[in-house]
Amino acid sequence: MATGYRLQATARGRGASQTLGVAALFLAVACSLWPVASPAAVAADTPLDRFLRDLKTLRVSFTQTLVDARGRQLDRADGTLVVVRPGKFRWEVKPQAAAGSGQLLVADGRNLWFFDRDLEQVTVRPVDEALTATPAMLLSGTADVREAFSVQSIGRRDGLEWVRVVPLRPDADFREAQIGFVRTDMKRMVLKDKLGQTATVVFERARRNARVEPSEVSFTPPRTADVIGTPRA
């Protein structure tokens, strides 16, 4: 799991920890990689670079499946992701096999909010403290992704062009991510963590650079919810 969020311990209900782990790993890769025009980046142009080029906003639906090291399914869920670069996103997910309302993760540029609707519990941390604890998170959008990751095209498989992303630091929270593209459309992501768990995320109905309302990447805790942590004003 991605310990940079430190939220799993507060989310005990209905597979919330698995859901957060997938969200944290996915957002570490998909929302934070922001290539700059360094000579190395230009020379190693990949489908990932082309996907991120000129990307300002992203809205996409997804289905995610999490399995353990033996291939046993731990969680399956549907969700939506909204990204506003740099540094804002909304990840909302509801498990398919469990009752309940699911979880919501929002980064508003100042704070990172996690809301478990079933527990009526909100956890908040300043975004720089929550995200910089994970070396994969480069939400400032100014760093060269290749200073934190090895990014390599690995060829065509299942009708997709694949890129492998491997963190360079040994204390990173995941071992690798493989991302599949059709031209500049991200279609699939396979993430492997250090516990041997594998998350597969399948994307559909993606919209690039469409309007995102400010309310979609902001969060106000419900009056009835317990709040853990102090937001940065």
C-alpha atoms as a PDB file:
ATOM      1  CA  MET A   1       0.000   0.000   0.000  1.00  0.00           C
ATOM      2  CA  ALA A   2       1.085   3.545  -0.563  1.00  0.00           C
ATOM      3  CA  THR A   3       2.131   4.674   2.876  1.00  0.00           C
ATOM      4  CA  GLY A   4       2.518   8.261   1.750  1.00  0.00           C
ATOM      5  CA  TYR A   5      -1.167   8.751   2.385  1.00  0.00           C
ATOM      6  CA  ARG A   6      -1.188   7.206   5.881  1.00  0.00           C
ATOM      7  CA  LEU A   7      -4.962   6.944   5.582  1.00  0.00           C
ATOM      8  CA  GLN A   8      -5.574   3.224   5.448  1.00  0.00           C
ATOM      9  CA  ALA A   9      -5.674   2.773   9.197  1.00  0.00           C
ATOM     10  CA  THR A  10      -8.721   4.997   9.465  1.00  0.00           C
ATOM     11  CA  ALA A  11     -10.628   3.215   6.720  1.00  0.00           C
ATOM     12  CA  ARG A  12     -11.590  -0.166   8.101  1.00  0.00           C
ATOM     13  CA  GLY A  13     -14.900  -0.773   6.410  1.00  0.00           C
ATOM     14  CA  ARG A  14     -15.757  -2.761   3.285  1.00  0.00           C
ATOM     15  CA  GLY A  15     -12.394  -3.039   1.566  1.00  0.00           C
ATOM     16  CA  ALA A  16     -11.491   0.602   2.057  1.00  0.00           C
ATOM     17  CA  SER A  17      -7.812  -0.098   2.634  1.00  0.00           C
ATOM     18  CA  GLN A  18      -7.504  -1.948  -0.673  1.00  0.00           C
ATOM     19  CA  THR A  19      -9.387   0.815  -2.434  1.00  0.00           C
ATOM     20  CA  LEU A  20      -7.109   3.484  -1.004  1.00  0.00           C
ATOM     21  CA  GLY A  21      -4.035   1.484  -1.874  1.00  0.00           C
ATOM     22  CA  VAL A  22      -5.070   1.323  -5.520  1.00  0.00           C
ATOM     23  CA  ALA A  23      -5.984   5.001  -5.517  1.00  0.00           C
ATOM     24  CA  ALA A  24      -2.690   6.028  -3.984  1.00  0.00           C
ATOM     25  CA  LEU A  25      -0.637   3.947  -6.389  1.00  0.00           C
ATOM     26  CA  PHE A  26      -2.602   5.074  -9.410  1.00  0.00           C
ATOM     27  CA  LEU A  27      -2.472   8.730  -8.512  1.00  0.00           C
ATOM     28  CA  ALA A  28       1.236   8.465  -7.808  1.00  0.00           C
ATOM     29  CA  VAL A  29       1.728   7.566 -11.445  1.00  0.00           C
ATOM     30  CA  ALA A  30      -1.137   8.939 -13.480  1.00  0.00           C
ATOM     31  CA  CYS A  31      -1.695  12.279 -11.790  1.00  0.00           C
ATOM     32  CA  SER A  32       1.798  13.263 -10.834  1.00  0.00           C
ATOM     33  CA  LEU A  33       4.036  12.499 -13.778  1.00  0.00           C
ATOM     34  CA  TRP A  34       4.759  15.746 -15.544  1.00  0.00           C
ATOM     35  CA  PRO A  35       7.596  15.594 -18.061  1.00  0.00           C
ATOM     36  CA  VAL A  36       9.715  18.631 -18.761  1.00  0.00           C
ATOM     37  CA  ALA A  37      11.546  19.347 -21.963  1.00  0.00           C
ATOM     38  CA  SER A  38      14.934  18.068 -20.869  1.00  0.00           C
ATOM     39  CA  PRO A  39      17.190  16.495 -23.529  1.00  0.00           C
ATOM     40  CA  ALA A  40      16.784  13.079 -21.891  1.00  0.00           C
ATOM     41  CA  ALA A  41      13.009  13.338 -21.950  1.00  0.00           C
ATOM     42  CA  VAL A  42      12.949  14.378 -25.592  1.00  0.00           C
ATOM     43  CA  ALA A  43      15.320  11.595 -26.597  1.00  0.00           C
ATOM     44  CA  ALA A  44      13.245   8.958 -24.774  1.00  0.00           C
ATOM     45  CA  ASP A  45       9.799  10.021 -25.980  1.00  0.00           C
ATOM     46  CA  THR A  46       7.250   7.357 -24.985  1.00  0.00           C
ATOM     47  CA  PRO A  47       3.466   6.956 -25.207  1.00  0.00           C
ATOM     48  CA  LEU A  48       3.355   8.231 -21.615  1.00  0.00           C
ATOM     49  CA  ASP A  49       5.127  11.456 -22.590  1.00  0.00           C
ATOM     50  CA  ARG A  50       2.754  11.928 -25.507  1.00  0.00           C
ATOM     51  CA  PHE A  51      -0.253  11.288 -23.270  1.00  0.00           C
ATOM     52  CA  LEU A  52       0.865  13.893 -20.734  1.00  0.00           C
ATOM     53  CA  ARG A  53       1.895  16.490 -23.293  1.00  0.00           C
ATOM     54  CA  ASP A  54      -0.495  19.468 -23.193  1.00  0.00           C
ATOM     55  CA  LEU A  55      -2.718  17.670 -20.669  1.00  0.00           C
ATOM     56  CA  LYS A  56      -4.476  20.190 -18.437  1.00  0.00           C
ATOM     57  CA  THR A  57      -7.496  18.230 -17.238  1.00  0.00           C
ATOM     58  CA  LEU A  58      -8.674  14.641 -17.443  1.00  0.00           C
ATOM     59  CA  ARG A  59     -12.030  13.035 -16.717  1.00  0.00           C
ATOM     60  CA  VAL A  60     -12.263   9.253 -16.958  1.00  0.00           C
ATOM     61  CA  SER A  61     -14.295   6.305 -15.677  1.00  0.00           C
ATOM     62  CA  PHE A  62     -12.589   3.099 -14.606  1.00  0.00           C
ATOM     63  CA  THR A  63     -12.949  -0.404 -13.231  1.00  0.00           C
ATOM     64  CA  GLN A  64     -10.223  -1.594 -10.868  1.00  0.00           C
ATOM     65  CA  THR A  65      -9.385  -5.102  -9.682  1.00  0.00           C
ATOM     66  CA  LEU A  66      -6.974  -5.920  -6.878  1.00  0.00           C
ATOM     67  CA  VAL A  67      -5.484  -9.405  -6.455  1.00  0.00           C
ATOM     68  CA  ASP A  68      -2.993 -10.788  -3.957  1.00  0.00           C
ATOM     69  CA  ALA A  69       0.290 -12.572  -4.660  1.00  0.00           C
ATOM     70  CA  ARG A  70      -1.597 -15.855  -5.248  1.00  0.00           C
ATOM     71  CA  GLY A  71      -3.970 -14.293  -7.743  1.00  0.00           C
ATOM     72  CA  ARG A  72      -6.947 -14.210  -5.366  1.00  0.00           C
ATOM     73  CA  GLN A  73      -9.241 -11.255  -5.915  1.00  0.00           C
ATOM     74  CA  LEU A  74      -9.337  -8.886  -2.948  1.00  0.00           C
ATOM     75  CA  ASP A  75     -11.448  -6.096  -4.345  1.00  0.00           C
ATOM     76  CA  ARG A  76     -13.282  -4.997  -7.482  1.00  0.00           C
ATOM     77  CA  ALA A  77     -14.707  -1.536  -7.851  1.00  0.00           C
ATOM     78  CA  ASP A  78     -15.992   1.071 -10.283  1.00  0.00           C
ATOM     79  CA  GLY A  79     -15.055   4.705 -10.108  1.00  0.00           C
ATOM     80  CA  THR A  80     -14.334   8.052 -11.680  1.00  0.00           C
ATOM     81  CA  LEU A  81     -11.221  10.191 -11.740  1.00  0.00           C
ATOM     82  CA  VAL A  82     -10.997  13.934 -12.374  1.00  0.00           C
ATOM     83  CA  VAL A  83      -7.561  15.554 -12.637  1.00  0.00           C
ATOM     84  CA  VAL A  84      -6.743  19.275 -12.822  1.00  0.00           C
ATOM     85  CA  ARG A  85      -3.054  19.927 -13.312  1.00  0.00           C
ATOM     86  CA  PRO A  86      -1.090  20.685 -11.347  1.00  0.00           C
ATOM     87  CA  GLY A  87      -1.934  19.243  -7.974  1.00  0.00           C
ATOM     88  CA  LYS A  88      -5.702  18.729  -7.910  1.00  0.00           C
ATOM     89  CA  PHE A  89      -7.723  15.579  -8.350  1.00  0.00           C
ATOM     90  CA  ARG A  90     -10.880  13.738  -7.334  1.00  0.00           C
ATOM     91  CA  TRP A  91     -10.884   9.933  -7.104  1.00  0.00           C
ATOM     92  CA  GLU A  92     -14.254   8.375  -6.270  1.00  0.00           C
ATOM     93  CA  VAL A  93     -14.820   4.648  -6.034  1.00  0.00           C
ATOM     94  CA  LYS A  94     -17.513   2.182  -5.001  1.00  0.00           C
ATOM     95  CA  PRO A  95     -16.796  -1.544  -4.521  1.00  0.00           C
ATOM     96  CA  GLN A  96     -18.943  -3.781  -6.709  1.00  0.00           C
ATOM     97  CA  ALA A  97     -19.341  -6.682  -4.284  1.00  0.00           C
ATOM     98  CA  ALA A  98     -20.164  -4.775  -1.095  1.00  0.00           C
ATOM     99  CA  ALA A  99     -22.987  -2.664   0.148  1.00  0.00           C
ATOM    100  CA  GLY A 100     -22.234   0.918   1.033  1.00  0.00           C
ATOM    101  CA  SER A 101     -21.438   4.224  -0.540  1.00  0.00           C
ATOM    102  CA  GLY A 102     -17.708   3.872  -1.168  1.00  0.00           C
ATOM    103  CA  GLN A 103     -14.845   6.301  -0.686  1.00  0.00           C
ATOM    104  CA  LEU A 104     -13.745   9.687  -1.962  1.00  0.00           C
ATOM    105  CA  LEU A 105     -10.206  11.093  -2.187  1.00  0.00           C
ATOM    106  CA  VAL A 106      -9.776  14.792  -3.045  1.00  0.00           C
ATOM    107  CA  ALA A 107      -6.626  16.903  -3.382  1.00  0.00           C
ATOM    108  CA  ASP A 108      -7.637  20.556  -3.551  1.00  0.00           C
ATOM    109  CA  GLY A 109      -4.160  22.061  -3.950  1.00  0.00           C
ATOM    110  CA  ARG A 110      -3.731  22.685  -0.215  1.00  0.00           C
ATOM    111  CA  ASN A 111      -5.105  19.602   1.526  1.00  0.00           C
ATOM    112  CA  LEU A 112      -5.674  15.925   0.829  1.00  0.00           C
ATOM    113  CA  TRP A 113      -9.089  14.700   2.011  1.00  0.00           C
ATOM    114  CA  PHE A 114     -10.261  11.124   2.403  1.00  0.00           C
ATOM    115  CA  PHE A 115     -13.970  10.562   3.078  1.00  0.00           C
ATOM    116  CA  ASP A 116     -15.328   7.136   3.966  1.00  0.00           C
ATOM    117  CA  ARG A 117     -19.053   7.620   3.490  1.00  0.00           C
ATOM    118  CA  ASP A 118     -20.026   4.409   5.274  1.00  0.00           C
ATOM    119  CA  LEU A 119     -18.033   5.246   8.402  1.00  0.00           C
ATOM    120  CA  GLU A 120     -18.902   8.965   8.102  1.00  0.00           C
ATOM    121  CA  GLN A 121     -15.235   9.678   8.742  1.00  0.00           C
ATOM    122  CA  VAL A 122     -12.974  12.277   7.118  1.00  0.00           C
ATOM    123  CA  THR A 123      -9.177  12.296   7.301  1.00  0.00           C
ATOM    124  CA  VAL A 124      -7.270  15.398   6.163  1.00  0.00           C
ATOM    125  CA  ARG A 125      -3.600  16.334   5.853  1.00  0.00           C
ATOM    126  CA  PRO A 126      -1.825  19.230   4.164  1.00  0.00           C
ATOM    127  CA  VAL A 127      -1.162  18.057   0.647  1.00  0.00           C
ATOM    128  CA  ASP A 128       2.585  18.679   0.733  1.00  0.00           C
ATOM    129  CA  GLU A 129       2.958  16.557   3.891  1.00  0.00           C
ATOM    130  CA  ALA A 130       0.709  13.780   2.605  1.00  0.00           C
ATOM    131  CA  LEU A 131       2.088  13.577  -0.924  1.00  0.00           C
ATOM    132  CA  THR A 132       5.772  14.377  -0.554  1.00  0.00           C
ATOM    133  CA  ALA A 133       6.051  11.420   1.819  1.00  0.00           C
ATOM    134  CA  THR A 134       5.697   9.308  -1.318  1.00  0.00           C
ATOM    135  CA  PRO A 135       8.605   9.956  -3.689  1.00  0.00           C
ATOM    136  CA  ALA A 136       6.380   9.110  -6.648  1.00  0.00           C
ATOM    137  CA  MET A 137       4.144  12.102  -6.021  1.00  0.00           C
ATOM    138  CA  LEU A 138       5.396  15.018  -8.089  1.00  0.00           C
ATOM    139  CA  LEU A 139       2.239  17.070  -8.033  1.00  0.00           C
ATOM    140  CA  SER A 140       4.100  20.357  -8.279  1.00  0.00           C
ATOM    141  CA  GLY A 141       4.460  19.638 -11.977  1.00  0.00           C
ATOM    142  CA  THR A 142       7.932  21.136 -12.154  1.00  0.00           C
ATOM    143  CA  ALA A 143      10.277  18.186 -11.642  1.00  0.00           C
ATOM    144  CA  ASP A 144      11.671  15.973 -14.370  1.00  0.00           C
ATOM    145  CA  VAL A 145       9.875  12.639 -14.051  1.00  0.00           C
ATOM    146  CA  ARG A 146      13.080  10.824 -14.997  1.00  0.00           C
ATOM    147  CA  GLU A 147      14.748  12.061 -11.828  1.00  0.00           C
ATOM    148  CA  ALA A 148      12.330   9.861  -9.852  1.00  0.00           C
ATOM    149  CA  PHE A 149      11.470   7.066 -12.312  1.00  0.00           C
ATOM    150  CA  SER A 150      12.841   4.846 -14.989  1.00  0.00           C
ATOM    151  CA  VAL A 151      10.398   5.200 -17.905  1.00  0.00           C
ATOM    152  CA  GLN A 152      10.714   2.715 -20.744  1.00  0.00           C
ATOM    153  CA  SER A 153       8.614   1.670 -23.728  1.00  0.00           C
ATOM    154  CA  ILE A 154       8.236  -2.128 -23.595  1.00  0.00           C
ATOM    155  CA  GLY A 155       6.431  -2.828 -26.856  1.00  0.00           C
ATOM    156  CA  ARG A 156       2.997  -3.916 -27.962  1.00  0.00           C
ATOM    157  CA  ARG A 157       0.759  -6.407 -26.142  1.00  0.00           C
ATOM    158  CA  ASP A 158      -2.995  -7.059 -26.257  1.00  0.00           C
ATOM    159  CA  GLY A 159      -3.420  -4.329 -28.827  1.00  0.00           C
ATOM    160  CA  LEU A 160      -1.828  -1.685 -26.590  1.00  0.00           C
ATOM    161  CA  GLU A 161       1.511   0.137 -26.554  1.00  0.00           C
ATOM    162  CA  TRP A 162       3.014  -0.376 -23.093  1.00  0.00           C
ATOM    163  CA  VAL A 163       5.286   1.741 -20.919  1.00  0.00           C
ATOM    164  CA  ARG A 164       6.988   0.527 -17.742  1.00  0.00           C
ATOM    165  CA  VAL A 165       7.471   3.014 -14.893  1.00  0.00           C
ATOM    166  CA  VAL A 166       9.836   1.962 -12.092  1.00  0.00           C
ATOM    167  CA  PRO A 167      10.690   4.203  -9.125  1.00  0.00           C
ATOM    168  CA  LEU A 168      14.410   4.827  -8.692  1.00  0.00           C
ATOM    169  CA  ARG A 169      14.335   5.185  -4.914  1.00  0.00           C
ATOM    170  CA  PRO A 170      14.356   1.958  -2.872  1.00  0.00           C
ATOM    171  CA  ASP A 171      11.852   3.362  -0.357  1.00  0.00           C
ATOM    172  CA  ALA A 172       9.136   3.928  -2.982  1.00  0.00           C
ATOM    173  CA  ASP A 173       5.761   2.396  -2.227  1.00  0.00           C
ATOM    174  CA  PHE A 174       5.306   0.353  -5.398  1.00  0.00           C
ATOM    175  CA  ARG A 175       7.614  -1.833  -7.452  1.00  0.00           C
ATOM    176  CA  GLU A 176       6.456  -0.899 -10.926  1.00  0.00           C
ATOM    177  CA  ALA A 177       3.559   0.262 -13.070  1.00  0.00           C
ATOM    178  CA  GLN A 178       2.819  -0.772 -16.631  1.00  0.00           C
ATOM    179  CA  ILE A 179       0.575   1.563 -18.597  1.00  0.00           C
ATOM    180  CA  GLY A 180      -1.101   0.637 -21.882  1.00  0.00           C
ATOM    181  CA  PHE A 181      -2.028   3.186 -24.562  1.00  0.00           C
ATOM    182  CA  VAL A 182      -3.841   3.409 -27.865  1.00  0.00           C
ATOM    183  CA  ARG A 183      -2.173   6.386 -29.539  1.00  0.00           C
ATOM    184  CA  THR A 184      -2.490   9.101 -26.857  1.00  0.00           C
ATOM    185  CA  ASP A 185      -5.347   7.436 -24.945  1.00  0.00           C
ATOM    186  CA  MET A 186      -4.517   5.691 -21.656  1.00  0.00           C
ATOM    187  CA  LYS A 187      -6.478   2.424 -21.612  1.00  0.00           C
ATOM    188  CA  ARG A 188      -5.039   0.265 -18.862  1.00  0.00           C
ATOM    189  CA  MET A 189      -2.686   0.372 -15.907  1.00  0.00           C
ATOM    190  CA  VAL A 190      -1.181  -2.555 -14.008  1.00  0.00           C
ATOM    191  CA  LEU A 191       0.426  -1.664 -10.668  1.00  0.00           C
ATOM    192  CA  LYS A 192       2.497  -3.996  -8.504  1.00  0.00           C
ATOM    193  CA  ASP A 193       3.224  -3.205  -4.886  1.00  0.00           C
ATOM    194  CA  LYS A 194       5.858  -4.527  -2.515  1.00  0.00           C
ATOM    195  CA  LEU A 195       3.408  -6.941  -0.872  1.00  0.00           C
ATOM    196  CA  GLY A 196       2.926  -8.825  -4.124  1.00  0.00           C
ATOM    197  CA  GLN A 197      -0.502  -7.325  -4.770  1.00  0.00           C
ATOM    198  CA  THR A 198      -1.426  -6.318  -8.312  1.00  0.00           C
ATOM    199  CA  ALA A 199      -4.009  -3.702  -9.230  1.00  0.00           C
ATOM    200  CA  THR A 200      -5.401  -3.587 -12.752  1.00  0.00           C
ATOM    201  CA  VAL A 201      -7.246  -0.424 -13.750  1.00  0.00           C
ATOM    202  CA  VAL A 202      -9.218  -0.329 -17.019  1.00  0.00           C
ATOM    203  CA  PHE A 203     -10.213   3.126 -18.293  1.00  0.00           C
ATOM    204  CA  GLU A 204     -13.092   4.201 -20.506  1.00  0.00           C
ATOM    205  CA  ARG A 205     -14.950   7.333 -21.604  1.00  0.00           C
ATOM    206  CA  ALA A 206     -11.899   9.564 -21.143  1.00  0.00           C
ATOM    207  CA  ARG A 207     -12.200  13.296 -21.852  1.00  0.00           C
ATOM    208  CA  ARG A 208      -9.075  15.422 -22.141  1.00  0.00           C
ATOM    209  CA  ASN A 209      -8.959  19.133 -21.339  1.00  0.00           C
ATOM    210  CA  ALA A 210     -12.693  19.400 -20.737  1.00  0.00           C
ATOM    211  CA  ARG A 211     -14.038  21.942 -18.266  1.00  0.00           C
ATOM    212  CA  VAL A 212     -13.845  20.932 -14.608  1.00  0.00           C
ATOM    213  CA  GLU A 213     -15.927  22.846 -12.081  1.00  0.00           C
ATOM    214  CA  PRO A 214     -13.967  24.116  -9.055  1.00  0.00           C
ATOM    215  CA  SER A 215     -16.424  22.293  -6.785  1.00  0.00           C
ATOM    216  CA  GLU A 216     -15.277  18.963  -8.237  1.00  0.00           C
ATOM    217  CA  VAL A 217     -11.760  19.354  -6.818  1.00  0.00           C
ATOM    218  CA  SER A 218     -12.706  20.900  -3.483  1.00  0.00           C
ATOM    219  CA  PHE A 219     -14.161  19.334  -0.363  1.00  0.00           C
ATOM    220  CA  THR A 220     -16.145  20.425   2.691  1.00  0.00           C
ATOM    221  CA  PRO A 221     -16.681  17.777   5.380  1.00  0.00           C
ATOM    222  CA  PRO A 222     -20.307  16.916   6.105  1.00  0.00           C
ATOM    223  CA  ARG A 223     -21.509  18.229   9.460  1.00  0.00           C
ATOM    224  CA  THR A 224     -22.260  14.690  10.632  1.00  0.00           C
ATOM    225  CA  ALA A 225     -18.788  13.321   9.847  1.00  0.00           C
ATOM    226  CA  ASP A 226     -15.940  12.830  12.304  1.00  0.00           C
ATOM    227  CA  VAL A 227     -12.855  14.734  11.093  1.00  0.00           C
ATOM    228  CA  ILE A 228      -9.319  13.535  11.864  1.00  0.00           C
ATOM    229  CA  GLY A 229      -6.521  16.023  11.214  1.00  0.00           C
ATOM    230  CA  THR A 230      -6.318  19.763  10.659  1.00  0.00           C
ATOM    231  CA  PRO A 231      -6.612  21.268   7.184  1.00  0.00           C
ATOM    232  CA  ARG A 232      -4.287  23.998   6.021  1.00  0.00           C
ATOM    233  CA  ALA A 233      -6.173  27.234   5.478  1.00  0.00           C
END
